Amino acid sequence: MLKLILGNKAYSSWSMRGWLAVKASGLDFEELVVPLYNDTWDERREGDEFAPSSGKVPLLWHDETVVWDSLAIIEYCADLTSREHYWPEDLAARAMARSMAAEMHSGFSALRRECPMNVRRNVPTPDLSDEAVADINRVLTLWAQARARHGSGGPFLFGGWSAVDMMYAPVVTRFLTWSIPVPPFARQYMSDVLRHPHVAQWIDAAQDEPWVIEQFEGGKGTA
């Protein structure tokens, strides 16, 4: 049985990526949402269940197997089921998709810091640093290149829904929350991502969460 431990759906971008990965597998799984930064957070993350990831989420247990980190969860689910659920079949497209996923995994720190994920808000565009603007432009460039080179088979970056869309889905929500201006092709892509049933299910569930983290409500953070 798969068990996925998550942070708040309203705020946790990495949890969203891990959840989308497991959801794409088609396998049944139990999910446990552990509120980030509440009174019991420090105590909870020191428990045995969190030990392999040093208290970070998402964390996937599969019987005695444990996987943490969103990209690792994507790869584990691909190995467990079918890589066709996660990566393009074409070699060149797959190479580009993996490169984009890896860049998302390791980069864009200014965008993360200045536009924290919060799928329950929509606010006017803030004053952003040059570094955050550069991150946004880089994301848009990657999206444009993927769509132009490999996106003819469907509405997503590489045509069909894939791991790279899962990795960038929280960026879509950030752009929406912080009213980031985007060109028409990106606006259409964002709309298609938000309509994907898995993304819509995640966002709907976030609306019912009772927890509020003030640092992600009115200012900058790193969720």
Protein backbone atom coordinates (compact mmCIF):
# COMPACT_ATOMS: atom_id res chain seq x y z
CA MET A 1 0.00 0.00 0.00
CA LEU A 2 1.24 3.47 -0.87
CA LYS A 3 1.16 6.18 1.77
CA LEU A 4 2.03 9.76 0.87
CA ILE A 5 2.78 12.32 3.58
CA LEU A 6 2.15 15.91 2.50
CA GLY A 7 2.26 19.46 3.74
CA ASN A 8 -0.63 21.91 3.39
CA LYS A 9 -2.23 21.77 -0.04
CA ALA A 10 -2.69 25.52 -0.04
CA TYR A 11 1.02 26.25 0.31
CA SER A 12 3.29 23.26 -0.29
CA SER A 13 4.49 23.25 -3.88
CA TRP A 14 6.73 20.23 -3.42
CA SER A 15 3.88 18.28 -1.86
CA MET A 16 1.73 19.15 -4.86
CA ARG A 17 4.38 17.78 -7.23
CA GLY A 18 4.68 14.54 -5.27
CA TRP A 19 0.92 14.13 -5.06
CA LEU A 20 0.47 14.70 -8.80
CA ALA A 21 3.14 12.08 -9.43
CA VAL A 22 1.44 9.44 -7.31
CA LYS A 23 -1.96 10.36 -8.72
CA ALA A 24 -0.66 9.84 -12.26
CA SER A 25 0.34 6.29 -11.38
CA GLY A 26 -3.31 5.26 -11.15
CA LEU A 27 -2.54 3.30 -7.98
CA ASP A 28 -4.57 3.58 -4.81
CA PHE A 29 -2.79 5.47 -2.07
CA GLU A 30 -3.42 6.87 1.37
CA GLU A 31 -2.56 10.51 1.90
CA LEU A 32 -1.72 12.18 5.19
CA VAL A 33 -1.63 15.97 5.32
CA VAL A 34 0.58 17.27 8.13
CA PRO A 35 0.09 21.03 8.69
CA LEU A 36 3.34 22.91 8.22
CA TYR A 37 4.71 25.06 11.03
CA ASN A 38 1.85 24.56 13.49
CA ASP A 39 2.34 23.84 17.20
CA THR A 40 3.03 20.14 16.66
CA TRP A 41 5.08 20.41 13.46
CA ASP A 42 8.53 20.20 15.05
CA GLU A 43 7.52 17.26 17.23
CA ARG A 44 5.77 15.45 14.37
CA ARG A 45 8.67 15.73 11.93
CA GLU A 46 11.04 14.15 14.48
CA GLY A 47 9.02 10.92 14.46
CA ASP A 48 10.13 7.68 12.82
CA GLU A 49 7.74 8.19 9.91
CA PHE A 50 9.63 11.35 8.87
CA ALA A 51 13.12 10.15 9.72
CA PRO A 52 14.27 9.17 6.21
CA SER A 53 13.61 12.67 4.85
CA SER A 54 14.83 14.57 7.94
CA GLY A 55 11.31 15.89 8.43
CA LYS A 56 10.69 17.14 4.90
CA VAL A 57 7.61 16.57 2.76
CA PRO A 58 6.51 14.97 0.50
CA LEU A 59 7.44 11.53 1.69
CA LEU A 60 6.20 8.32 0.06
CA TRP A 61 6.06 4.99 1.84
CA HIS A 62 5.42 1.80 -0.14
CA ASP A 63 5.38 -1.01 2.39
CA GLU A 64 8.99 -0.89 3.65
CA THR A 65 10.27 1.21 0.76
CA VAL A 66 10.54 4.94 1.36
CA VAL A 67 11.03 7.70 -1.20
CA TRP A 68 11.35 11.41 -0.51
CA ASP A 69 11.81 14.43 -2.77
CA SER A 70 9.27 15.13 -5.49
CA LEU A 71 11.49 14.26 -8.44
CA ALA A 72 12.51 10.98 -6.83
CA ILE A 73 8.83 10.17 -6.25
CA ILE A 74 8.14 10.82 -9.93
CA GLU A 75 10.90 8.41 -10.92
CA TYR A 76 9.80 5.78 -8.42
CA CYS A 77 6.21 5.90 -9.68
CA ALA A 78 7.48 5.67 -13.26
CA ASP A 79 9.48 2.56 -12.34
CA LEU A 80 6.53 1.13 -10.43
CA THR A 81 4.00 1.54 -13.24
CA SER A 82 4.96 2.83 -16.69
CA ARG A 83 7.41 5.49 -17.77
CA GLU A 84 4.88 6.46 -20.46
CA HIS A 85 2.79 8.04 -17.69
CA TYR A 86 5.60 10.46 -16.92
CA TRP A 87 8.02 11.08 -19.79
CA PRO A 88 7.66 11.63 -23.55
CA GLU A 89 8.41 8.62 -25.73
CA ASP A 90 10.60 10.52 -28.20
CA LEU A 91 14.24 10.55 -27.06
CA ALA A 92 14.87 14.24 -27.80
CA ALA A 93 11.62 15.28 -26.14
CA ARG A 94 12.37 13.12 -23.11
CA ALA A 95 15.82 14.65 -22.76
CA MET A 96 14.40 18.16 -22.86
CA ALA A 97 11.59 17.27 -20.45
CA ARG A 98 14.06 15.84 -17.94
CA SER A 99 16.29 18.89 -18.26
CA MET A 100 13.34 21.21 -17.62
CA ALA A 101 12.20 19.16 -14.63
CA ALA A 102 15.72 19.20 -13.19
CA GLU A 103 16.02 22.96 -13.68
CA MET A 104 12.72 23.46 -11.89
CA HIS A 105 13.95 21.20 -9.12
CA SER A 106 17.14 23.13 -8.48
CA GLY A 107 16.50 26.69 -9.63
CA PHE A 108 14.18 29.69 -9.58
CA SER A 109 14.96 30.60 -5.98
CA ALA A 110 13.97 34.26 -6.37
CA LEU A 111 10.56 33.33 -7.79
CA ARG A 112 9.99 30.88 -4.94
CA ARG A 113 11.01 33.45 -2.34
CA GLU A 114 9.06 36.43 -3.69
CA CYS A 115 5.95 34.61 -4.95
CA PRO A 116 5.21 31.80 -2.46
CA MET A 117 2.58 29.30 -3.44
CA ASN A 118 -0.91 30.01 -2.12
CA VAL A 119 -3.70 28.55 -4.24
CA ARG A 120 -6.36 30.36 -2.19
CA ARG A 121 -5.25 33.90 -3.08
CA ASN A 122 -5.20 36.24 -6.04
CA VAL A 123 -3.48 39.58 -5.52
CA PRO A 124 -2.12 42.42 -7.67
CA THR A 125 1.30 41.95 -9.19
CA PRO A 126 3.92 42.82 -6.56
CA ASP A 127 7.15 44.73 -7.10
CA LEU A 128 9.61 42.00 -7.98
CA SER A 129 13.37 41.95 -7.96
CA ASP A 130 15.35 41.69 -11.18
CA GLU A 131 16.22 38.13 -10.18
CA ALA A 132 12.56 37.13 -9.84
CA VAL A 133 11.72 38.74 -13.19
CA ALA A 134 14.59 36.80 -14.76
CA ASP A 135 13.19 33.58 -13.26
CA ILE A 136 9.76 34.32 -14.72
CA ASN A 137 11.22 35.05 -18.15
CA ARG A 138 13.24 31.84 -18.02
CA VAL A 139 10.12 29.81 -17.20
CA LEU A 140 8.24 31.40 -20.08
CA THR A 141 11.13 30.74 -22.45
CA LEU A 142 11.24 27.07 -21.44
CA TRP A 143 7.50 26.73 -21.89
CA ALA A 144 7.65 28.35 -25.33
CA GLN A 145 10.50 26.13 -26.47
CA ALA A 146 8.82 22.94 -25.27
CA ARG A 147 5.52 23.82 -26.90
CA ALA A 148 7.19 24.81 -30.18
CA ARG A 149 9.43 21.74 -30.42
CA HIS A 150 7.37 18.97 -28.90
CA GLY A 151 3.89 20.20 -27.97
CA SER A 152 1.93 19.45 -31.11
CA GLY A 153 0.29 16.31 -29.72
CA GLY A 154 -1.78 18.00 -27.02
CA PRO A 155 -2.24 21.06 -24.81
CA PHE A 156 0.64 20.46 -22.41
CA LEU A 157 4.36 21.21 -22.65
CA PHE A 158 5.16 17.98 -24.48
CA GLY A 159 1.68 17.32 -25.83
CA GLY A 160 0.32 14.90 -23.27
CA TRP A 161 0.32 15.38 -19.51
CA SER A 162 3.75 14.43 -18.18
CA ALA A 163 6.17 14.76 -15.28
CA VAL A 164 7.40 18.14 -16.47
CA ASP A 165 3.86 19.54 -16.26
CA MET A 166 3.65 18.16 -12.72
CA MET A 167 6.88 19.94 -11.84
CA TYR A 168 5.68 23.27 -13.26
CA ALA A 169 2.05 23.08 -12.07
CA PRO A 170 2.84 24.96 -8.82
CA VAL A 171 4.48 27.69 -10.93
CA VAL A 172 1.20 28.01 -12.82
CA THR A 173 -0.59 28.58 -9.53
CA ARG A 174 2.06 31.12 -8.46
CA PHE A 175 1.61 33.09 -11.67
CA LEU A 176 -2.14 33.12 -11.07
CA THR A 177 -1.91 34.04 -7.37
CA TRP A 178 0.49 36.92 -7.97
CA SER A 179 -1.13 38.12 -11.23
CA ILE A 180 2.06 37.67 -13.24
CA PRO A 181 1.56 38.98 -16.80
CA VAL A 182 2.16 36.24 -19.37
CA PRO A 183 1.83 36.04 -23.17
CA PRO A 184 -1.23 34.39 -24.75
CA PHE A 185 0.38 30.99 -25.34
CA ALA A 186 1.35 30.78 -21.64
CA ARG A 187 -2.09 31.93 -20.53
CA GLN A 188 -3.62 29.09 -22.56
CA TYR A 189 -1.18 26.57 -21.15
CA MET A 190 -1.92 27.73 -17.62
CA SER A 191 -5.64 27.38 -18.25
CA ASP A 192 -5.16 23.82 -19.53
CA VAL A 193 -3.05 22.90 -16.49
CA LEU A 194 -5.63 24.31 -14.08
CA ARG A 195 -8.35 22.32 -15.84
CA HIS A 196 -6.47 19.05 -15.56
CA PRO A 197 -8.58 16.92 -13.20
CA HIS A 198 -5.70 16.14 -10.84
CA VAL A 199 -4.70 19.79 -10.50
CA ALA A 200 -8.31 20.85 -10.06
CA GLN A 201 -8.79 18.21 -7.36
CA TRP A 202 -5.73 19.45 -5.47
CA ILE A 203 -6.84 23.09 -5.62
CA ASP A 204 -10.40 22.23 -4.57
CA ALA A 205 -9.11 20.30 -1.56
CA ALA A 206 -6.91 23.22 -0.55
CA GLN A 207 -9.90 25.51 -0.23
CA ASP A 208 -11.27 23.43 2.64
CA GLU A 209 -8.10 23.37 4.71
CA PRO A 210 -8.52 25.13 8.07
CA TRP A 211 -4.86 26.12 8.47
CA VAL A 212 -3.43 29.54 7.71
CA ILE A 213 0.29 30.34 7.56
CA GLU A 214 0.60 34.09 7.85
CA GLN A 215 4.04 34.30 6.24
CA PHE A 216 2.54 32.96 3.01
CA GLU A 217 -0.58 35.13 3.14
CA GLY A 218 0.70 38.65 2.92
CA GLY A 219 4.36 38.55 2.13
CA LYS A 220 7.30 36.63 0.82
CA GLY A 221 8.20 33.06 1.69
CA THR A 222 9.67 29.88 0.32
CA ALA A 223 6.87 27.32 0.15
